[in-house]
Structures are given as structure tokens and as C-alpha cells.
Amino acid sequence: MPEKKELRLLEKGFKSDVKRAAIIHGFGGIGKTVLATRFALKMGYYFEGTLGIKFTPTTRPEDILNKFNSFFADERKARIEPDSEPAGSP
């Protein structure tokens, strides 16, 4: 199970005005997924979106880049597409 110390450290870093990214790594079974999930749930208010990628021994760099591209394309599309027509449009 993740320690409260690690969760507090992540919170402190992400609440600053500096844009940040985090990599949580370690041996299997030490609580990485639990820590990432708790952090995302607790801090979701501060983000426009979150992305988690599970790496396996067969994960290729292009797989990771494709996930990033898809994530950012979806985010950009959500910001560009208006919810309704502008006033005065035909």
C-alpha cells in the first residue's frame, strides 16, 4: 500500500505553479497503481485530464507515443468543438 508520504509529495509538487509530470516505478506489488489511482482521484480537480499508461516488457516506444497522441488529440478536439452554434449563425 502506498504511504501517505508519497501521496503528500505528489500533491505538493502538482499544486505548485510549475507544470509537472510524474513517473511512478518500482517492483510489482508495491502499490504503484494504488498510489496513482488515489492521486488521480484526489487531485483530479486540478487537471483538465489524466493519462495512465501501463508498461509491460513488450511495450514499444511507438505504443507510448500513440497513446500520448490519442490523449492530446481527444483533449484538443474537446476544446475546439463548440457545444452550440455561435449567436447569429445561419
PDB file of N, CA and C in Angstrom:
ATOM      1  N   MET A   1       0.846  -1.191   0.000  1.00  0.00           N
ATOM      2  CA  MET A   1       0.000   0.000   0.000  1.00  0.00           C
ATOM      3  C   MET A   1       0.885   1.246   0.000  1.00  0.00           C
ATOM      4  N   PRO A   2       0.503   2.242  -0.774  1.00  0.00           N
ATOM      5  CA  PRO A   2       1.316   3.449  -0.805  1.00  0.00           C
ATOM      6  C   PRO A   2       1.265   4.184   0.521  1.00  0.00           C
ATOM      7  N   GLU A   3       2.371   4.758   0.842  1.00  0.00           N
ATOM      8  CA  GLU A   3       2.464   5.528   2.072  1.00  0.00           C
ATOM      9  C   GLU A   3       1.873   6.920   1.859  1.00  0.00           C
ATOM     10  N   LYS A   4       1.385   7.504   2.933  1.00  0.00           N
ATOM     11  CA  LYS A   4       0.835   8.857   2.856  1.00  0.00           C
ATOM     12  C   LYS A   4       1.921   9.849   2.452  1.00  0.00           C
ATOM     13  N   LYS A   5       3.153   9.554   2.805  1.00  0.00           N
ATOM     14  CA  LYS A   5       4.270  10.441   2.482  1.00  0.00           C
ATOM     15  C   LYS A   5       4.402  10.630   0.968  1.00  0.00           C
ATOM     16  N   GLU A   6       4.316   9.533   0.221  1.00  0.00           N
ATOM     17  CA  GLU A   6       4.443   9.617  -1.226  1.00  0.00           C
ATOM     18  C   GLU A   6       3.278  10.394  -1.834  1.00  0.00           C
ATOM     19  N   LEU A   7       2.071  10.174  -1.318  1.00  0.00           N
ATOM     20  CA  LEU A   7       0.900  10.889  -1.812  1.00  0.00           C
ATOM     21  C   LEU A   7       1.035  12.386  -1.532  1.00  0.00           C
ATOM     22  N   ARG A   8       1.496  12.745  -0.341  1.00  0.00           N
ATOM     23  CA  ARG A   8       1.701  14.167   0.002  1.00  0.00           C
ATOM     24  C   ARG A   8       2.760  14.799  -0.897  1.00  0.00           C
ATOM     25  N   LEU A   9       3.816  14.057  -1.191  1.00  0.00           N
ATOM     26  CA  LEU A   9       4.884  14.567  -2.053  1.00  0.00           C
ATOM     27  C   LEU A   9       4.350  14.857  -3.458  1.00  0.00           C
ATOM     28  N   LEU A  10       3.567  13.948  -3.996  1.00  0.00           N
ATOM     29  CA  LEU A  10       2.961  14.168  -5.308  1.00  0.00           C
ATOM     30  C   LEU A  10       2.023  15.379  -5.279  1.00  0.00           C
ATOM     31  N   GLU A  11       1.193  15.473  -4.259  1.00  0.00           N
ATOM     32  CA  GLU A  11       0.259  16.592  -4.137  1.00  0.00           C
ATOM     33  C   GLU A  11       0.997  17.923  -4.103  1.00  0.00           C
ATOM     34  N   LYS A  12       2.023  18.000  -3.284  1.00  0.00           N
ATOM     35  CA  LYS A  12       2.785  19.245  -3.140  1.00  0.00           C
ATOM     36  C   LYS A  12       3.393  19.660  -4.479  1.00  0.00           C
ATOM     37  N   GLY A  13       3.975  18.716  -5.184  1.00  0.00           N
ATOM     38  CA  GLY A  13       4.575  19.028  -6.468  1.00  0.00           C
ATOM     39  C   GLY A  13       3.575  19.500  -7.496  1.00  0.00           C
ATOM     40  N   PHE A  14       2.411  18.886  -7.526  1.00  0.00           N
ATOM     41  CA  PHE A  14       1.427  19.211  -8.550  1.00  0.00           C
ATOM     42  C   PHE A  14       0.593  20.435  -8.201  1.00  0.00           C
ATOM     43  N   LYS A  15       0.572  20.846  -6.957  1.00  0.00           N
ATOM     44  CA  LYS A  15      -0.182  22.052  -6.594  1.00  0.00           C
ATOM     45  C   LYS A  15       0.619  23.322  -6.860  1.00  0.00           C
ATOM     46  N   SER A  16       1.899  23.192  -7.169  1.00  0.00           N
ATOM     47  CA  SER A  16       2.715  24.366  -7.466  1.00  0.00           C
ATOM     48  C   SER A  16       2.330  24.913  -8.835  1.00  0.00           C
ATOM     49  N   ASP A  17       2.821  26.100  -9.155  1.00  0.00           N
ATOM     50  CA  ASP A  17       2.513  26.732 -10.434  1.00  0.00           C
ATOM     51  C   ASP A  17       3.330  26.160 -11.589  1.00  0.00           C
ATOM     52  N   VAL A  18       4.292  25.323 -11.295  1.00  0.00           N
ATOM     53  CA  VAL A  18       5.147  24.741 -12.320  1.00  0.00           C
ATOM     54  C   VAL A  18       4.434  23.524 -12.923  1.00  0.00           C
ATOM     55  N   LYS A  19       4.442  23.422 -14.247  1.00  0.00           N
ATOM     56  CA  LYS A  19       3.835  22.260 -14.909  1.00  0.00           C
ATOM     57  C   LYS A  19       4.704  21.043 -14.633  1.00  0.00           C
ATOM     58  N   ARG A  20       4.082  19.934 -14.270  1.00  0.00           N
ATOM     59  CA  ARG A  20       4.836  18.760 -13.871  1.00  0.00           C
ATOM     60  C   ARG A  20       4.274  17.480 -14.464  1.00  0.00           C
ATOM     61  N   ALA A  21       5.125  16.480 -14.457  1.00  0.00           N
ATOM     62  CA  ALA A  21       4.739  15.116 -14.810  1.00  0.00           C
ATOM     63  C   ALA A  21       5.380  14.213 -13.768  1.00  0.00           C
ATOM     64  N   ALA A  22       4.827  13.055 -13.564  1.00  0.00           N
ATOM     65  CA  ALA A  22       5.384  12.118 -12.590  1.00  0.00           C
ATOM     66  C   ALA A  22       5.471  10.735 -13.210  1.00  0.00           C
ATOM     67  N   ILE A  23       6.503  10.036 -12.841  1.00  0.00           N
ATOM     68  CA  ILE A  23       6.659   8.634 -13.220  1.00  0.00           C
ATOM     69  C   ILE A  23       6.725   7.843 -11.923  1.00  0.00           C
ATOM     70  N   ILE A  24       5.827   6.904 -11.773  1.00  0.00           N
ATOM     71  CA  ILE A  24       5.808   6.043 -10.588  1.00  0.00           C
ATOM     72  C   ILE A  24       6.322   4.686 -11.044  1.00  0.00           C
ATOM     73  N   HIS A  25       7.401   4.246 -10.459  1.00  0.00           N
ATOM     74  CA  HIS A  25       8.005   2.984 -10.904  1.00  0.00           C
ATOM     75  C   HIS A  25       8.450   2.160  -9.709  1.00  0.00           C
ATOM     76  N   GLY A  26       8.686   0.893  -9.951  1.00  0.00           N
ATOM     77  CA  GLY A  26       9.167   0.000  -8.904  1.00  0.00           C
ATOM     78  C   GLY A  26       8.767  -1.431  -9.203  1.00  0.00           C
ATOM     79  N   PHE A  27       9.139  -2.294  -8.302  1.00  0.00           N
ATOM     80  CA  PHE A  27       8.832  -3.716  -8.443  1.00  0.00           C
ATOM     81  C   PHE A  27       7.323  -3.948  -8.353  1.00  0.00           C
ATOM     82  N   GLY A  28       6.874  -5.038  -8.946  1.00  0.00           N
ATOM     83  CA  GLY A  28       5.465  -5.388  -8.895  1.00  0.00           C
ATOM     84  C   GLY A  28       4.983  -5.638  -7.476  1.00  0.00           C
ATOM     85  N   GLY A  29       3.757  -5.195  -7.201  1.00  0.00           N
ATOM     86  CA  GLY A  29       3.145  -5.483  -5.910  1.00  0.00           C
ATOM     87  C   GLY A  29       3.450  -4.501  -4.795  1.00  0.00           C
ATOM     88  N   ILE A  30       4.107  -3.357  -5.129  1.00  0.00           N
ATOM     89  CA  ILE A  30       4.447  -2.418  -4.051  1.00  0.00           C
ATOM     90  C   ILE A  30       3.445  -1.269  -3.917  1.00  0.00           C
ATOM     91  N   GLY A  31       2.421  -1.249  -4.803  1.00  0.00           N
ATOM     92  CA  GLY A  31       1.365  -0.250  -4.660  1.00  0.00           C
ATOM     93  C   GLY A  31       1.410   0.911  -5.638  1.00  0.00           C
ATOM     94  N   LYS A  32       2.093   0.753  -6.753  1.00  0.00           N
ATOM     95  CA  LYS A  32       2.188   1.843  -7.727  1.00  0.00           C
ATOM     96  C   LYS A  32       0.821   2.218  -8.294  1.00  0.00           C
ATOM     97  N   THR A  33       0.049   1.239  -8.680  1.00  0.00           N
ATOM     98  CA  THR A  33      -1.266   1.501  -9.266  1.00  0.00           C
ATOM     99  C   THR A  33      -2.201   2.128  -8.235  1.00  0.00           C
ATOM    100  N   VAL A  34      -2.143   1.646  -7.013  1.00  0.00           N
ATOM    101  CA  VAL A  34      -2.986   2.211  -5.944  1.00  0.00           C
ATOM    102  C   VAL A  34      -2.606   3.663  -5.705  1.00  0.00           C
ATOM    103  N   LEU A  35      -1.309   3.967  -5.648  1.00  0.00           N
ATOM    104  CA  LEU A  35      -0.849   5.335  -5.436  1.00  0.00           C
ATOM    105  C   LEU A  35      -1.311   6.244  -6.575  1.00  0.00           C
ATOM    106  N   ALA A  36      -1.123   5.806  -7.815  1.00  0.00           N
ATOM    107  CA  ALA A  36      -1.521   6.614  -8.968  1.00  0.00           C
ATOM    108  C   ALA A  36      -3.030   6.844  -8.984  1.00  0.00           C
ATOM    109  N   THR A  37      -3.799   5.818  -8.663  1.00  0.00           N
ATOM    110  CA  THR A  37      -5.256   5.940  -8.654  1.00  0.00           C
ATOM    111  C   THR A  37      -5.717   6.890  -7.561  1.00  0.00           C
ATOM    112  N   ARG A  38      -5.182   6.741  -6.378  1.00  0.00           N
ATOM    113  CA  ARG A  38      -5.552   7.644  -5.273  1.00  0.00           C
ATOM    114  C   ARG A  38      -5.197   9.083  -5.606  1.00  0.00           C
ATOM    115  N   PHE A  39      -4.011   9.265  -6.186  1.00  0.00           N
ATOM    116  CA  PHE A  39      -3.582  10.611  -6.552  1.00  0.00           C
ATOM    117  C   PHE A  39      -4.516  11.216  -7.600  1.00  0.00           C
ATOM    118  N   ALA A  40      -4.827  10.458  -8.635  1.00  0.00           N
ATOM    119  CA  ALA A  40      -5.710  10.960  -9.694  1.00  0.00           C
ATOM    120  C   ALA A  40      -7.088  11.308  -9.136  1.00  0.00           C
ATOM    121  N   LEU A  41      -7.617  10.479  -8.266  1.00  0.00           N
ATOM    122  CA  LEU A  41      -8.930  10.749  -7.680  1.00  0.00           C
ATOM    123  C   LEU A  41      -8.904  11.971  -6.775  1.00  0.00           C
ATOM    124  N   LYS A  42      -7.863  12.099  -5.986  1.00  0.00           N
ATOM    125  CA  LYS A  42      -7.764  13.208  -5.033  1.00  0.00           C
ATOM    126  C   LYS A  42      -7.463  14.534  -5.726  1.00  0.00           C
ATOM    127  N   MET A  43      -6.653  14.494  -6.780  1.00  0.00           N
ATOM    128  CA  MET A  43      -6.187  15.725  -7.406  1.00  0.00           C
ATOM    129  C   MET A  43      -6.863  16.021  -8.742  1.00  0.00           C
ATOM    130  N   GLY A  44      -7.836  15.230  -9.156  1.00  0.00           N
ATOM    131  CA  GLY A  44      -8.479  15.419 -10.446  1.00  0.00           C
ATOM    132  C   GLY A  44      -9.004  16.820 -10.680  1.00  0.00           C
ATOM    133  N   TYR A  45      -9.393  17.500  -9.621  1.00  0.00           N
ATOM    134  CA  TYR A  45      -9.906  18.864  -9.716  1.00  0.00           C
ATOM    135  C   TYR A  45      -8.895  19.806 -10.360  1.00  0.00           C
ATOM    136  N   TYR A  46      -7.618  19.552 -10.147  1.00  0.00           N
ATOM    137  CA  TYR A  46      -6.563  20.450 -10.616  1.00  0.00           C
ATOM    138  C   TYR A  46      -6.165  20.203 -12.073  1.00  0.00           C
ATOM    139  N   PHE A  47      -6.709  19.193 -12.718  1.00  0.00           N
ATOM    140  CA  PHE A  47      -6.283  18.821 -14.062  1.00  0.00           C
ATOM    141  C   PHE A  47      -7.433  18.855 -15.047  1.00  0.00           C
ATOM    142  N   GLU A  48      -7.095  19.117 -16.309  1.00  0.00           N
ATOM    143  CA  GLU A  48      -8.087  19.035 -17.380  1.00  0.00           C
ATOM    144  C   GLU A  48      -8.253  17.594 -17.817  1.00  0.00           C
ATOM    145  N   GLY A  49      -7.275  16.764 -17.542  1.00  0.00           N
ATOM    146  CA  GLY A  49      -7.335  15.360 -17.915  1.00  0.00           C
ATOM    147  C   GLY A  49      -6.162  14.605 -17.313  1.00  0.00           C
ATOM    148  N   THR A  50      -6.285  13.322 -17.218  1.00  0.00           N
ATOM    149  CA  THR A  50      -5.191  12.490 -16.734  1.00  0.00           C
ATOM    150  C   THR A  50      -5.000  11.320 -17.691  1.00  0.00           C
ATOM    151  N   LEU A  51      -3.776  10.832 -17.757  1.00  0.00           N
ATOM    152  CA  LEU A  51      -3.450   9.717 -18.625  1.00  0.00           C
ATOM    153  C   LEU A  51      -2.563   8.760 -17.859  1.00  0.00           C
ATOM    154  N   GLY A  52      -2.942   7.517 -17.847  1.00  0.00           N
ATOM    155  CA  GLY A  52      -2.117   6.482 -17.241  1.00  0.00           C
ATOM    156  C   GLY A  52      -1.770   5.442 -18.291  1.00  0.00           C
ATOM    157  N   ILE A  53      -0.535   5.033 -18.309  1.00  0.00           N
ATOM    158  CA  ILE A  53      -0.092   4.022 -19.268  1.00  0.00           C
ATOM    159  C   ILE A  53       0.578   2.900 -18.503  1.00  0.00           C
ATOM    160  N   LYS A  54       0.110   1.699 -18.724  1.00  0.00           N
ATOM    161  CA  LYS A  54       0.724   0.532 -18.096  1.00  0.00           C
ATOM    162  C   LYS A  54       1.795  -0.013 -19.038  1.00  0.00           C
ATOM    163  N   PHE A  55       3.008  -0.114 -18.521  1.00  0.00           N
ATOM    164  CA  PHE A  55       4.121  -0.630 -19.302  1.00  0.00           C
ATOM    165  C   PHE A  55       4.295  -2.116 -19.015  1.00  0.00           C
ATOM    166  N   THR A  56       4.588  -2.860 -20.052  1.00  0.00           N
ATOM    167  CA  THR A  56       4.897  -4.279 -19.923  1.00  0.00           C
ATOM    168  C   THR A  56       6.234  -4.521 -20.618  1.00  0.00           C
ATOM    169  N   PRO A  57       6.801  -5.695 -20.469  1.00  0.00           N
ATOM    170  CA  PRO A  57       8.068  -5.968 -21.164  1.00  0.00           C
ATOM    171  C   PRO A  57       7.967  -5.836 -22.687  1.00  0.00           C
ATOM    172  N   THR A  58       6.764  -5.927 -23.230  1.00  0.00           N
ATOM    173  CA  THR A  58       6.605  -5.834 -24.687  1.00  0.00           C
ATOM    174  C   THR A  58       6.153  -4.448 -25.154  1.00  0.00           C
ATOM    175  N   THR A  59       6.026  -3.477 -24.234  1.00  0.00           N
ATOM    176  CA  THR A  59       5.621  -2.125 -24.605  1.00  0.00           C
ATOM    177  C   THR A  59       6.715  -1.484 -25.454  1.00  0.00           C
ATOM    178  N   ARG A  60       6.313  -0.993 -26.617  1.00  0.00           N
ATOM    179  CA  ARG A  60       7.254  -0.356 -27.529  1.00  0.00           C
ATOM    180  C   ARG A  60       7.127   1.159 -27.418  1.00  0.00           C
ATOM    181  N   PRO A  61       8.197   1.913 -27.688  1.00  0.00           N
ATOM    182  CA  PRO A  61       8.124   3.374 -27.637  1.00  0.00           C
ATOM    183  C   PRO A  61       6.988   3.936 -28.490  1.00  0.00           C
ATOM    184  N   GLU A  62       6.766   3.352 -29.666  1.00  0.00           N
ATOM    185  CA  GLU A  62       5.692   3.866 -30.525  1.00  0.00           C
ATOM    186  C   GLU A  62       4.311   3.632 -29.919  1.00  0.00           C
ATOM    187  N   ASP A  63       4.161   2.590 -29.099  1.00  0.00           N
ATOM    188  CA  ASP A  63       2.888   2.367 -28.404  1.00  0.00           C
ATOM    189  C   ASP A  63       2.611   3.517 -27.436  1.00  0.00           C
ATOM    190  N   ILE A  64       3.645   3.927 -26.736  1.00  0.00           N
ATOM    191  CA  ILE A  64       3.520   5.018 -25.763  1.00  0.00           C
ATOM    192  C   ILE A  64       3.193   6.321 -26.487  1.00  0.00           C
ATOM    193  N   LEU A  65       3.936   6.610 -27.558  1.00  0.00           N
ATOM    194  CA  LEU A  65       3.693   7.836 -28.314  1.00  0.00           C
ATOM    195  C   LEU A  65       2.290   7.855 -28.910  1.00  0.00           C
ATOM    196  N   ASN A  66       1.809   6.714 -29.384  1.00  0.00           N
ATOM    197  CA  ASN A  66       0.446   6.645 -29.922  1.00  0.00           C
ATOM    198  C   ASN A  66      -0.585   6.947 -28.844  1.00  0.00           C
ATOM    199  N   LYS A  67      -0.358   6.458 -27.626  1.00  0.00           N
ATOM    200  CA  LYS A  67      -1.292   6.751 -26.525  1.00  0.00           C
ATOM    201  C   LYS A  67      -1.286   8.239 -26.193  1.00  0.00           C
ATOM    202  N   PHE A  68      -0.081   8.844 -26.148  1.00  0.00           N
ATOM    203  CA  PHE A  68       0.008  10.286 -25.910  1.00  0.00           C
ATOM    204  C   PHE A  68      -0.707  11.063 -27.012  1.00  0.00           C
ATOM    205  N   ASN A  69      -0.444  10.710 -28.266  1.00  0.00           N
ATOM    206  CA  ASN A  69      -1.078  11.405 -29.390  1.00  0.00           C
ATOM    207  C   ASN A  69      -2.597  11.310 -29.318  1.00  0.00           C
ATOM    208  N   SER A  70      -3.116  10.128 -29.031  1.00  0.00           N
ATOM    209  CA  SER A  70      -4.567   9.953 -28.923  1.00  0.00           C
ATOM    210  C   SER A  70      -5.138  10.789 -27.792  1.00  0.00           C
ATOM    211  N   PHE A  71      -4.458  10.778 -26.662  1.00  0.00           N
ATOM    212  CA  PHE A  71      -4.918  11.533 -25.493  1.00  0.00           C
ATOM    213  C   PHE A  71      -4.986  13.025 -25.812  1.00  0.00           C
ATOM    214  N   PHE A  72      -3.893  13.566 -26.363  1.00  0.00           N
ATOM    215  CA  PHE A  72      -3.861  15.004 -26.636  1.00  0.00           C
ATOM    216  C   PHE A  72      -4.783  15.388 -27.787  1.00  0.00           C
ATOM    217  N   ALA A  73      -4.962  14.525 -28.760  1.00  0.00           N
ATOM    218  CA  ALA A  73      -5.899  14.801 -29.850  1.00  0.00           C
ATOM    219  C   ALA A  73      -7.322  14.876 -29.306  1.00  0.00           C
ATOM    220  N   ASP A  74      -7.676  13.965 -28.405  1.00  0.00           N
ATOM    221  CA  ASP A  74      -9.009  13.990 -27.790  1.00  0.00           C
ATOM    222  C   ASP A  74      -9.195  15.241 -26.954  1.00  0.00           C
ATOM    223  N   GLU A  75      -8.155  15.638 -26.207  1.00  0.00           N
ATOM    224  CA  GLU A  75      -8.238  16.847 -25.389  1.00  0.00           C
ATOM    225  C   GLU A  75      -8.417  18.079 -26.277  1.00  0.00           C
ATOM    226  N   ARG A  76      -7.637  18.162 -27.340  1.00  0.00           N
ATOM    227  CA  ARG A  76      -7.703  19.309 -28.252  1.00  0.00           C
ATOM    228  C   ARG A  76      -9.076  19.348 -28.925  1.00  0.00           C
ATOM    229  N   LYS A  77      -9.573  18.207 -29.350  1.00  0.00           N
ATOM    230  CA  LYS A  77     -10.880  18.132 -30.002  1.00  0.00           C
ATOM    231  C   LYS A  77     -11.977  18.606 -29.050  1.00  0.00           C
ATOM    232  N   ALA A  78     -11.877  18.226 -27.790  1.00  0.00           N
ATOM    233  CA  ALA A  78     -12.886  18.623 -26.798  1.00  0.00           C
ATOM    234  C   ALA A  78     -12.874  20.137 -26.596  1.00  0.00           C
ATOM    235  N   ARG A  79     -11.707  20.770 -26.720  1.00  0.00           N
ATOM    236  CA  ARG A  79     -11.625  22.219 -26.535  1.00  0.00           C
ATOM    237  C   ARG A  79     -12.063  22.976 -27.782  1.00  0.00           C
ATOM    238  N   ILE A  80     -11.867  22.402 -28.958  1.00  0.00           N
ATOM    239  CA  ILE A  80     -12.149  23.093 -30.206  1.00  0.00           C
ATOM    240  C   ILE A  80     -13.620  23.017 -30.585  1.00  0.00           C
ATOM    241  N   GLU A  81     -14.242  21.866 -30.399  1.00  0.00           N
ATOM    242  CA  GLU A  81     -15.630  21.698 -30.819  1.00  0.00           C
ATOM    243  C   GLU A  81     -16.565  22.483 -29.902  1.00  0.00           C
ATOM    244  N   PRO A  82     -17.292  23.451 -30.450  1.00  0.00           N
ATOM    245  CA  PRO A  82     -18.220  24.226 -29.616  1.00  0.00           C
ATOM    246  C   PRO A  82     -19.415  23.369 -29.214  1.00  0.00           C
ATOM    247  N   ASP A  83     -19.955  23.686 -28.035  1.00  0.00           N
ATOM    248  CA  ASP A  83     -21.137  22.984 -27.557  1.00  0.00           C
ATOM    249  C   ASP A  83     -22.378  23.396 -28.326  1.00  0.00           C
ATOM    250  N   SER A  84     -22.389  24.635 -28.827  1.00  0.00           N
ATOM    251  CA  SER A  84     -23.546  25.127 -29.554  1.00  0.00           C
ATOM    252  C   SER A  84     -23.077  26.110 -30.623  1.00  0.00           C
ATOM    253  N   GLU A  85     -23.985  26.440 -31.523  1.00  0.00           N
ATOM    254  CA  GLU A  85     -23.682  27.393 -32.584  1.00  0.00           C
ATOM    255  C   GLU A  85     -23.545  28.797 -31.978  1.00  0.00           C
ATOM    256  N   PRO A  86     -22.600  29.593 -32.493  1.00  0.00           N
ATOM    257  CA  PRO A  86     -22.485  30.965 -32.025  1.00  0.00           C
ATOM    258  C   PRO A  86     -23.753  31.764 -32.353  1.00  0.00           C
ATOM    259  N   ALA A  87     -24.006  32.760 -31.570  1.00  0.00           N
ATOM    260  CA  ALA A  87     -25.191  33.602 -31.782  1.00  0.00           C
ATOM    261  C   ALA A  87     -25.120  34.246 -33.162  1.00  0.00           C
ATOM    262  N   GLY A  88     -26.238  34.273 -33.881  1.00  0.00           N
ATOM    263  CA  GLY A  88     -26.328  34.902 -35.185  1.00  0.00           C
ATOM    264  C   GLY A  88     -25.864  34.025 -36.329  1.00  0.00           C
ATOM    265  N   SER A  89     -25.539  32.741 -36.076  1.00  0.00           N
ATOM    266  CA  SER A  89     -25.133  31.881 -37.192  1.00  0.00           C
ATOM    267  C   SER A  89     -26.364  31.374 -37.924  1.00  0.00           C
ATOM    268  N   PRO A  90     -26.185  31.095 -39.221  1.00  0.00           N
ATOM    269  CA  PRO A  90     -27.335  30.649 -40.024  1.00  0.00           C
ATOM    270  C   PRO A  90     -27.827  29.303 -39.648  1.00  0.00           C
TER     271      PRO A  90
END
